[in-house]
Full PDB file with SEQRES, HELIX, SHEET, SSBOND, CRYST1, ORIGX, SCALE, CONECT and MASTER records, all heavy atoms in Angstrom:
SEQRES   1 A   32  SER ALA TYR ALA ASP GLN ILE THR GLU ILE VAL ILE SER          
SEQRES   2 A   32  ASP GLY ILE HIS ASP ILE GLY GLN MET ALA PHE TYR GLU          
SEQRES   3 A   32  LEU PRO ASN LEU THR GLU                                      
HELIX    1 AA1 ALA A    4  GLN A    6  5                                   3    
CRYST1    1.000    1.000    1.000  90.00  90.00  90.00 P 1           1          
ORIGX1      1.000000  0.000000  0.000000        0.00000                         
ORIGX2      0.000000  1.000000  0.000000        0.00000                         
ORIGX3      0.000000  0.000000  1.000000        0.00000                         
SCALE1      1.000000  0.000000  0.000000        0.00000                         
SCALE2      0.000000  1.000000  0.000000        0.00000                         
SCALE3      0.000000  0.000000  1.000000        0.00000                         
ATOM      1  N   SER A   1       3.383   8.491  -3.594  1.00  0.00           N  
ATOM      2  CA  SER A   1       2.235   9.308  -4.064  1.00  0.00           C  
ATOM      3  C   SER A   1       2.242   9.551  -5.627  1.00  0.00           C  
ATOM      4  O   SER A   1       1.223   9.468  -6.226  1.00  0.00           O  
ATOM      5  CB  SER A   1       2.232  10.748  -3.372  1.00  0.00           C  
ATOM      6  OG  SER A   1       1.920  10.580  -2.083  1.00  0.00           O  
ATOM      7  N   ALA A   2       3.419   9.673  -6.158  1.00  0.00           N  
ATOM      8  CA  ALA A   2       3.510   9.875  -7.639  1.00  0.00           C  
ATOM      9  C   ALA A   2       3.109   8.669  -8.403  1.00  0.00           C  
ATOM     10  O   ALA A   2       2.733   8.741  -9.561  1.00  0.00           O  
ATOM     11  CB  ALA A   2       5.005  10.250  -8.045  1.00  0.00           C  
ATOM     12  N   TYR A   3       3.029   7.489  -7.744  1.00  0.00           N  
ATOM     13  CA  TYR A   3       2.670   6.286  -8.356  1.00  0.00           C  
ATOM     14  C   TYR A   3       1.409   5.689  -7.921  1.00  0.00           C  
ATOM     15  O   TYR A   3       0.998   4.591  -8.275  1.00  0.00           O  
ATOM     16  CB  TYR A   3       3.793   5.188  -8.144  1.00  0.00           C  
ATOM     17  CG  TYR A   3       5.110   5.631  -8.491  1.00  0.00           C  
ATOM     18  CD1 TYR A   3       6.054   6.111  -7.445  1.00  0.00           C  
ATOM     19  CD2 TYR A   3       5.530   5.687  -9.789  1.00  0.00           C  
ATOM     20  CE1 TYR A   3       7.317   6.581  -7.767  1.00  0.00           C  
ATOM     21  CE2 TYR A   3       6.850   6.195 -10.104  1.00  0.00           C  
ATOM     22  CZ  TYR A   3       7.688   6.609  -9.082  1.00  0.00           C  
ATOM     23  OH  TYR A   3       8.958   7.093  -9.368  1.00  0.00           O  
ATOM     24  N   ALA A   4       0.679   6.448  -7.168  1.00  0.00           N  
ATOM     25  CA  ALA A   4      -0.577   5.989  -6.503  1.00  0.00           C  
ATOM     26  C   ALA A   4      -1.592   5.320  -7.521  1.00  0.00           C  
ATOM     27  O   ALA A   4      -2.190   4.284  -7.171  1.00  0.00           O  
ATOM     28  CB  ALA A   4      -1.304   7.083  -5.735  1.00  0.00           C  
ATOM     29  N   ASP A   5      -1.715   5.908  -8.633  1.00  0.00           N  
ATOM     30  CA  ASP A   5      -2.682   5.365  -9.657  1.00  0.00           C  
ATOM     31  C   ASP A   5      -2.197   4.064 -10.243  1.00  0.00           C  
ATOM     32  O   ASP A   5      -3.025   3.236 -10.814  1.00  0.00           O  
ATOM     33  CB  ASP A   5      -2.900   6.367 -10.799  1.00  0.00           C  
ATOM     34  CG  ASP A   5      -3.722   7.535 -10.315  1.00  0.00           C  
ATOM     35  OD1 ASP A   5      -4.242   7.514  -9.185  1.00  0.00           O  
ATOM     36  OD2 ASP A   5      -3.747   8.553 -11.034  1.00  0.00           O  
ATOM     37  N   GLN A   6      -0.883   3.777 -10.126  1.00  0.00           N  
ATOM     38  CA  GLN A   6      -0.318   2.494 -10.745  1.00  0.00           C  
ATOM     39  C   GLN A   6      -0.290   1.328  -9.800  1.00  0.00           C  
ATOM     40  O   GLN A   6      -0.075   0.204 -10.238  1.00  0.00           O  
ATOM     41  CB  GLN A   6       1.044   2.802 -11.262  1.00  0.00           C  
ATOM     42  CG  GLN A   6       1.073   3.935 -12.293  1.00  0.00           C  
ATOM     43  CD  GLN A   6       2.545   4.332 -12.616  1.00  0.00           C  
ATOM     44  OE1 GLN A   6       3.490   3.588 -12.493  1.00  0.00           O  
ATOM     45  NE2 GLN A   6       2.733   5.604 -12.901  1.00  0.00           N  
ATOM     46  N   ILE A   7      -0.540   1.574  -8.509  1.00  0.00           N  
ATOM     47  CA  ILE A   7      -0.372   0.504  -7.536  1.00  0.00           C  
ATOM     48  C   ILE A   7      -1.598  -0.332  -7.494  1.00  0.00           C  
ATOM     49  O   ILE A   7      -2.690   0.169  -7.200  1.00  0.00           O  
ATOM     50  CB  ILE A   7      -0.055   1.090  -6.196  1.00  0.00           C  
ATOM     51  CG1 ILE A   7       1.242   1.786  -6.187  1.00  0.00           C  
ATOM     52  CG2 ILE A   7      -0.013   0.002  -5.076  1.00  0.00           C  
ATOM     53  CD1 ILE A   7       1.624   2.587  -4.945  1.00  0.00           C  
ATOM     54  N   THR A   8      -1.497  -1.679  -7.735  1.00  0.00           N  
ATOM     55  CA  THR A   8      -2.645  -2.498  -7.815  1.00  0.00           C  
ATOM     56  C   THR A   8      -2.528  -3.631  -6.705  1.00  0.00           C  
ATOM     57  O   THR A   8      -3.540  -4.221  -6.303  1.00  0.00           O  
ATOM     58  CB  THR A   8      -2.800  -3.253  -9.150  1.00  0.00           C  
ATOM     59  OG1 THR A   8      -1.632  -3.941  -9.418  1.00  0.00           O  
ATOM     60  CG2 THR A   8      -3.130  -2.205 -10.251  1.00  0.00           C  
ATOM     61  N   GLU A   9      -1.308  -3.893  -6.271  1.00  0.00           N  
ATOM     62  CA  GLU A   9      -1.060  -4.911  -5.312  1.00  0.00           C  
ATOM     63  C   GLU A   9       0.061  -4.446  -4.299  1.00  0.00           C  
ATOM     64  O   GLU A   9       1.041  -3.865  -4.764  1.00  0.00           O  
ATOM     65  CB  GLU A   9      -0.650  -6.258  -5.893  1.00  0.00           C  
ATOM     66  CG  GLU A   9      -0.369  -7.331  -4.890  1.00  0.00           C  
ATOM     67  CD  GLU A   9       0.064  -8.653  -5.569  1.00  0.00           C  
ATOM     68  OE1 GLU A   9       0.662  -8.592  -6.672  1.00  0.00           O  
ATOM     69  OE2 GLU A   9      -0.117  -9.750  -4.993  1.00  0.00           O  
ATOM     70  N   ILE A  10      -0.119  -4.769  -3.015  1.00  0.00           N  
ATOM     71  CA  ILE A  10       0.899  -4.438  -2.042  1.00  0.00           C  
ATOM     72  C   ILE A  10       1.251  -5.754  -1.410  1.00  0.00           C  
ATOM     73  O   ILE A  10       0.426  -6.461  -0.866  1.00  0.00           O  
ATOM     74  CB  ILE A  10       0.432  -3.406  -1.027  1.00  0.00           C  
ATOM     75  CG1 ILE A  10       0.183  -2.122  -1.701  1.00  0.00           C  
ATOM     76  CG2 ILE A  10       1.437  -3.273   0.132  1.00  0.00           C  
ATOM     77  CD1 ILE A  10      -0.538  -1.117  -0.772  1.00  0.00           C  
ATOM     78  N   VAL A  11       2.599  -6.106  -1.300  1.00  0.00           N  
ATOM     79  CA  VAL A  11       3.133  -7.222  -0.614  1.00  0.00           C  
ATOM     80  C   VAL A  11       4.063  -6.721   0.491  1.00  0.00           C  
ATOM     81  O   VAL A  11       5.043  -6.121   0.161  1.00  0.00           O  
ATOM     82  CB  VAL A  11       3.840  -8.191  -1.530  1.00  0.00           C  
ATOM     83  CG1 VAL A  11       4.379  -9.384  -0.798  1.00  0.00           C  
ATOM     84  CG2 VAL A  11       2.922  -8.621  -2.676  1.00  0.00           C  
ATOM     85  N   ILE A  12       3.636  -6.896   1.729  1.00  0.00           N  
ATOM     86  CA  ILE A  12       4.440  -6.509   2.878  1.00  0.00           C  
ATOM     87  C   ILE A  12       5.471  -7.493   3.193  1.00  0.00           C  
ATOM     88  O   ILE A  12       5.201  -8.659   3.278  1.00  0.00           O  
ATOM     89  CB  ILE A  12       3.508  -6.212   4.077  1.00  0.00           C  
ATOM     90  CG1 ILE A  12       2.380  -5.294   3.761  1.00  0.00           C  
ATOM     91  CG2 ILE A  12       4.284  -5.644   5.225  1.00  0.00           C  
ATOM     92  CD1 ILE A  12       2.727  -3.874   3.404  1.00  0.00           C  
ATOM     93  N   SER A  13       6.654  -7.030   3.462  1.00  0.00           N  
ATOM     94  CA  SER A  13       7.779  -7.933   3.742  1.00  0.00           C  
ATOM     95  C   SER A  13       7.591  -8.654   5.085  1.00  0.00           C  
ATOM     96  O   SER A  13       7.161  -8.046   6.077  1.00  0.00           O  
ATOM     97  CB  SER A  13       9.066  -7.185   3.746  1.00  0.00           C  
ATOM     98  OG  SER A  13       9.386  -6.661   2.492  1.00  0.00           O  
ATOM     99  N   ASP A  14       8.145  -9.861   5.207  1.00  0.00           N  
ATOM    100  CA  ASP A  14       8.103 -10.613   6.441  1.00  0.00           C  
ATOM    101  C   ASP A  14       8.926  -9.806   7.439  1.00  0.00           C  
ATOM    102  O   ASP A  14      10.017  -9.235   7.129  1.00  0.00           O  
ATOM    103  CB  ASP A  14       8.686 -12.031   6.212  1.00  0.00           C  
ATOM    104  CG  ASP A  14       8.460 -12.878   7.425  1.00  0.00           C  
ATOM    105  OD1 ASP A  14       7.363 -12.783   8.037  1.00  0.00           O  
ATOM    106  OD2 ASP A  14       9.284 -13.720   7.734  1.00  0.00           O  
ATOM    107  N   GLY A  15       8.490  -9.865   8.690  1.00  0.00           N  
ATOM    108  CA  GLY A  15       9.137  -9.176   9.773  1.00  0.00           C  
ATOM    109  C   GLY A  15       8.475  -7.843  10.162  1.00  0.00           C  
ATOM    110  O   GLY A  15       8.808  -7.358  11.193  1.00  0.00           O  
ATOM    111  N   ILE A  16       7.665  -7.346   9.322  1.00  0.00           N  
ATOM    112  CA  ILE A  16       6.918  -6.114   9.645  1.00  0.00           C  
ATOM    113  C   ILE A  16       5.877  -6.492  10.669  1.00  0.00           C  
ATOM    114  O   ILE A  16       4.997  -7.294  10.460  1.00  0.00           O  
ATOM    115  CB  ILE A  16       6.258  -5.486   8.394  1.00  0.00           C  
ATOM    116  CG1 ILE A  16       7.332  -5.092   7.390  1.00  0.00           C  
ATOM    117  CG2 ILE A  16       5.360  -4.288   8.775  1.00  0.00           C  
ATOM    118  CD1 ILE A  16       8.245  -4.014   7.834  1.00  0.00           C  
ATOM    119  N   HIS A  17       5.876  -5.759  11.772  1.00  0.00           N  
ATOM    120  CA  HIS A  17       4.937  -6.031  12.872  1.00  0.00           C  
ATOM    121  C   HIS A  17       3.631  -5.207  12.693  1.00  0.00           C  
ATOM    122  O   HIS A  17       2.588  -5.817  12.918  1.00  0.00           O  
ATOM    123  CB  HIS A  17       5.573  -5.556  14.208  1.00  0.00           C  
ATOM    124  CG  HIS A  17       4.766  -5.706  15.372  1.00  0.00           C  
ATOM    125  ND1 HIS A  17       3.932  -4.698  15.922  1.00  0.00           N  
ATOM    126  CD2 HIS A  17       4.569  -6.740  16.230  1.00  0.00           C  
ATOM    127  CE1 HIS A  17       3.243  -5.151  16.979  1.00  0.00           C  
ATOM    128  NE2 HIS A  17       3.671  -6.380  17.215  1.00  0.00           N  
ATOM    129  N   ASP A  18       3.656  -3.966  12.361  1.00  0.00           N  
ATOM    130  CA  ASP A  18       2.403  -3.302  12.103  1.00  0.00           C  
ATOM    131  C   ASP A  18       2.474  -2.351  10.886  1.00  0.00           C  
ATOM    132  O   ASP A  18       3.496  -1.915  10.480  1.00  0.00           O  
ATOM    133  CB  ASP A  18       1.898  -2.639  13.347  1.00  0.00           C  
ATOM    134  CG  ASP A  18       2.710  -1.396  13.762  1.00  0.00           C  
ATOM    135  OD1 ASP A  18       2.585  -0.308  13.204  1.00  0.00           O  
ATOM    136  OD2 ASP A  18       3.442  -1.516  14.760  1.00  0.00           O  
ATOM    137  N   ILE A  19       1.296  -2.082  10.324  1.00  0.00           N  
ATOM    138  CA  ILE A  19       1.122  -1.215   9.176  1.00  0.00           C  
ATOM    139  C   ILE A  19       0.849   0.133   9.679  1.00  0.00           C  
ATOM    140  O   ILE A  19      -0.166   0.372  10.408  1.00  0.00           O  
ATOM    141  CB  ILE A  19       0.043  -1.744   8.252  1.00  0.00           C  
ATOM    142  CG1 ILE A  19       0.126  -3.194   7.990  1.00  0.00           C  
ATOM    143  CG2 ILE A  19      -0.041  -0.924   6.971  1.00  0.00           C  
ATOM    144  CD1 ILE A  19       1.383  -3.695   7.373  1.00  0.00           C  
ATOM    145  N   GLY A  20       1.647   1.135   9.373  1.00  0.00           N  
ATOM    146  CA  GLY A  20       1.533   2.482   9.926  1.00  0.00           C  
ATOM    147  C   GLY A  20       0.303   3.189   9.543  1.00  0.00           C  
ATOM    148  O   GLY A  20      -0.369   2.912   8.473  1.00  0.00           O  
ATOM    149  N   GLN A  21       0.031   4.210  10.377  1.00  0.00           N  
ATOM    150  CA  GLN A  21      -1.125   5.074  10.136  1.00  0.00           C  
ATOM    151  C   GLN A  21      -1.039   5.737   8.780  1.00  0.00           C  
ATOM    152  O   GLN A  21      -0.018   6.274   8.366  1.00  0.00           O  
ATOM    153  CB  GLN A  21      -1.190   6.154  11.208  1.00  0.00           C  
ATOM    154  CG  GLN A  21      -2.214   7.221  11.019  1.00  0.00           C  
ATOM    155  CD  GLN A  21      -2.241   8.163  12.189  1.00  0.00           C  
ATOM    156  OE1 GLN A  21      -2.510   7.681  13.362  1.00  0.00           O  
ATOM    157  NE2 GLN A  21      -1.942   9.422  11.925  1.00  0.00           N  
ATOM    158  N   MET A  22      -2.147   5.666   8.027  1.00  0.00           N  
ATOM    159  CA  MET A  22      -2.277   6.262   6.642  1.00  0.00           C  
ATOM    160  C   MET A  22      -1.245   5.782   5.662  1.00  0.00           C  
ATOM    161  O   MET A  22      -1.043   6.426   4.603  1.00  0.00           O  
ATOM    162  CB  MET A  22      -2.265   7.784   6.733  1.00  0.00           C  
ATOM    163  CG  MET A  22      -3.358   8.385   7.538  1.00  0.00           C  
ATOM    164  SD  MET A  22      -3.239  10.118   7.675  1.00  0.00           S  
ATOM    165  CE  MET A  22      -4.990  10.567   7.326  1.00  0.00           C  
ATOM    166  N   ALA A  23      -0.610   4.661   5.878  1.00  0.00           N  
ATOM    167  CA  ALA A  23       0.528   4.160   5.101  1.00  0.00           C  
ATOM    168  C   ALA A  23       0.089   3.963   3.594  1.00  0.00           C  
ATOM    169  O   ALA A  23       0.870   4.330   2.700  1.00  0.00           O  
ATOM    170  CB  ALA A  23       1.064   2.874   5.559  1.00  0.00           C  
ATOM    171  N   PHE A  24      -1.073   3.539   3.349  1.00  0.00           N  
ATOM    172  CA  PHE A  24      -1.587   3.162   1.989  1.00  0.00           C  
ATOM    173  C   PHE A  24      -2.890   3.878   1.721  1.00  0.00           C  
ATOM    174  O   PHE A  24      -3.768   3.365   1.055  1.00  0.00           O  
ATOM    175  CB  PHE A  24      -1.636   1.718   1.749  1.00  0.00           C  
ATOM    176  CG  PHE A  24      -0.360   1.050   2.068  1.00  0.00           C  
ATOM    177  CD1 PHE A  24      -0.103   0.249   3.087  1.00  0.00           C  
ATOM    178  CD2 PHE A  24       0.750   1.215   1.086  1.00  0.00           C  
ATOM    179  CE1 PHE A  24       1.108  -0.318   3.324  1.00  0.00           C  
ATOM    180  CE2 PHE A  24       1.963   0.657   1.310  1.00  0.00           C  
ATOM    181  CZ  PHE A  24       2.172  -0.214   2.474  1.00  0.00           C  
ATOM    182  N   TYR A  25      -3.042   5.120   2.166  1.00  0.00           N  
ATOM    183  CA  TYR A  25      -4.260   5.950   2.145  1.00  0.00           C  
ATOM    184  C   TYR A  25      -4.580   6.306   0.719  1.00  0.00           C  
ATOM    185  O   TYR A  25      -3.788   6.647  -0.061  1.00  0.00           O  
ATOM    186  CB  TYR A  25      -3.888   7.174   2.942  1.00  0.00           C  
ATOM    187  CG  TYR A  25      -5.019   8.181   3.177  1.00  0.00           C  
ATOM    188  CD1 TYR A  25      -5.851   8.115   4.274  1.00  0.00           C  
ATOM    189  CD2 TYR A  25      -5.234   9.198   2.287  1.00  0.00           C  
ATOM    190  CE1 TYR A  25      -6.831   8.998   4.472  1.00  0.00           C  
ATOM    191  CE2 TYR A  25      -6.207  10.150   2.531  1.00  0.00           C  
ATOM    192  CZ  TYR A  25      -6.964  10.024   3.672  1.00  0.00           C  
ATOM    193  OH  TYR A  25      -7.958  11.028   3.860  1.00  0.00           O  
ATOM    194  N   GLU A  26      -5.804   6.017   0.372  1.00  0.00           N  
ATOM    195  CA  GLU A  26      -6.383   6.390  -0.945  1.00  0.00           C  
ATOM    196  C   GLU A  26      -5.547   5.998  -2.170  1.00  0.00           C  
ATOM    197  O   GLU A  26      -5.147   6.786  -3.027  1.00  0.00           O  
ATOM    198  CB  GLU A  26      -6.667   7.927  -0.988  1.00  0.00           C  
ATOM    199  CG  GLU A  26      -7.712   8.372  -0.023  1.00  0.00           C  
ATOM    200  CD  GLU A  26      -8.118   9.731  -0.119  1.00  0.00           C  
ATOM    201  OE1 GLU A  26      -7.425  10.549  -0.814  1.00  0.00           O  
ATOM    202  OE2 GLU A  26      -9.051  10.113   0.466  1.00  0.00           O  
ATOM    203  N   LEU A  27      -5.353   4.703  -2.306  1.00  0.00           N  
ATOM    204  CA  LEU A  27      -4.729   4.143  -3.482  1.00  0.00           C  
ATOM    205  C   LEU A  27      -5.881   3.703  -4.397  1.00  0.00           C  
ATOM    206  O   LEU A  27      -6.473   2.619  -4.170  1.00  0.00           O  
ATOM    207  CB  LEU A  27      -3.747   2.999  -3.172  1.00  0.00           C  
ATOM    208  CG  LEU A  27      -2.531   3.379  -2.362  1.00  0.00           C  
ATOM    209  CD1 LEU A  27      -1.683   2.172  -2.043  1.00  0.00           C  
ATOM    210  CD2 LEU A  27      -1.665   4.488  -3.106  1.00  0.00           C  
ATOM    211  N   PRO A  28      -6.268   4.376  -5.410  1.00  0.00           N  
ATOM    212  CA  PRO A  28      -7.532   4.136  -6.130  1.00  0.00           C  
ATOM    213  C   PRO A  28      -7.556   2.866  -6.875  1.00  0.00           C  
ATOM    214  O   PRO A  28      -8.691   2.338  -7.115  1.00  0.00           O  
ATOM    215  CB  PRO A  28      -7.607   5.330  -7.089  1.00  0.00           C  
ATOM    216  CG  PRO A  28      -6.171   5.810  -7.294  1.00  0.00           C  
ATOM    217  CD  PRO A  28      -5.451   5.545  -5.956  1.00  0.00           C  
ATOM    218  N   ASN A  29      -6.425   2.248  -7.239  1.00  0.00           N  
ATOM    219  CA  ASN A  29      -6.445   0.983  -8.058  1.00  0.00           C  
ATOM    220  C   ASN A  29      -5.985  -0.229  -7.309  1.00  0.00           C  
ATOM    221  O   ASN A  29      -5.800  -1.304  -7.938  1.00  0.00           O  
ATOM    222  CB  ASN A  29      -5.708   1.214  -9.381  1.00  0.00           C  
ATOM    223  CG  ASN A  29      -6.360   2.264 -10.228  1.00  0.00           C  
ATOM    224  OD1 ASN A  29      -7.572   2.147 -10.451  1.00  0.00           O  
ATOM    225  ND2 ASN A  29      -5.593   3.248 -10.682  1.00  0.00           N  
ATOM    226  N   LEU A  30      -5.740  -0.050  -6.017  1.00  0.00           N  
ATOM    227  CA  LEU A  30      -5.238  -1.202  -5.163  1.00  0.00           C  
ATOM    228  C   LEU A  30      -6.419  -2.217  -5.070  1.00  0.00           C  
ATOM    229  O   LEU A  30      -7.497  -1.884  -4.725  1.00  0.00           O  
ATOM    230  CB  LEU A  30      -4.894  -0.642  -3.817  1.00  0.00           C  
ATOM    231  CG  LEU A  30      -4.429  -1.781  -2.788  1.00  0.00           C  
ATOM    232  CD1 LEU A  30      -3.094  -2.338  -3.293  1.00  0.00           C  
ATOM    233  CD2 LEU A  30      -4.272  -1.115  -1.406  1.00  0.00           C  
ATOM    234  N   THR A  31      -6.120  -3.514  -5.424  1.00  0.00           N  
ATOM    235  CA  THR A  31      -7.058  -4.504  -5.361  1.00  0.00           C  
ATOM    236  C   THR A  31      -6.720  -5.618  -4.351  1.00  0.00           C  
ATOM    237  O   THR A  31      -7.596  -6.317  -3.842  1.00  0.00           O  
ATOM    238  CB  THR A  31      -7.283  -5.219  -6.667  1.00  0.00           C  
ATOM    239  OG1 THR A  31      -6.042  -5.798  -7.142  1.00  0.00           O  
ATOM    240  CG2 THR A  31      -7.860  -4.202  -7.685  1.00  0.00           C  
ATOM    241  N   GLU A  32      -5.402  -5.784  -3.979  1.00  0.00           N  
ATOM    242  CA  GLU A  32      -5.058  -6.893  -3.146  1.00  0.00           C  
ATOM    243  C   GLU A  32      -3.823  -6.411  -2.220  1.00  0.00           C  
ATOM    244  O   GLU A  32      -2.916  -5.740  -2.728  1.00  0.00           O  
ATOM    245  CB  GLU A  32      -4.622  -8.086  -3.947  1.00  0.00           C  
ATOM    246  CG  GLU A  32      -4.260  -9.331  -3.148  1.00  0.00           C  
ATOM    247  CD  GLU A  32      -4.001 -10.567  -3.923  1.00  0.00           C  
ATOM    248  OE1 GLU A  32      -4.036 -10.523  -5.150  1.00  0.00           O  
ATOM    249  OE2 GLU A  32      -3.714 -11.575  -3.339  1.00  0.00           O  
TER     250      GLU A  32                                                      
MASTER        0    0    0    1    0    0    0    6  249    1    0    3          
END                                                                             
């Protein structure tokens, strides 16, 4: 949360089966 405005890309590690509920909720600058 403290870095929400700085996050522009998320790369999920191999082996993750599902993306949790609200995991990346309202990241205003996320593009990819």
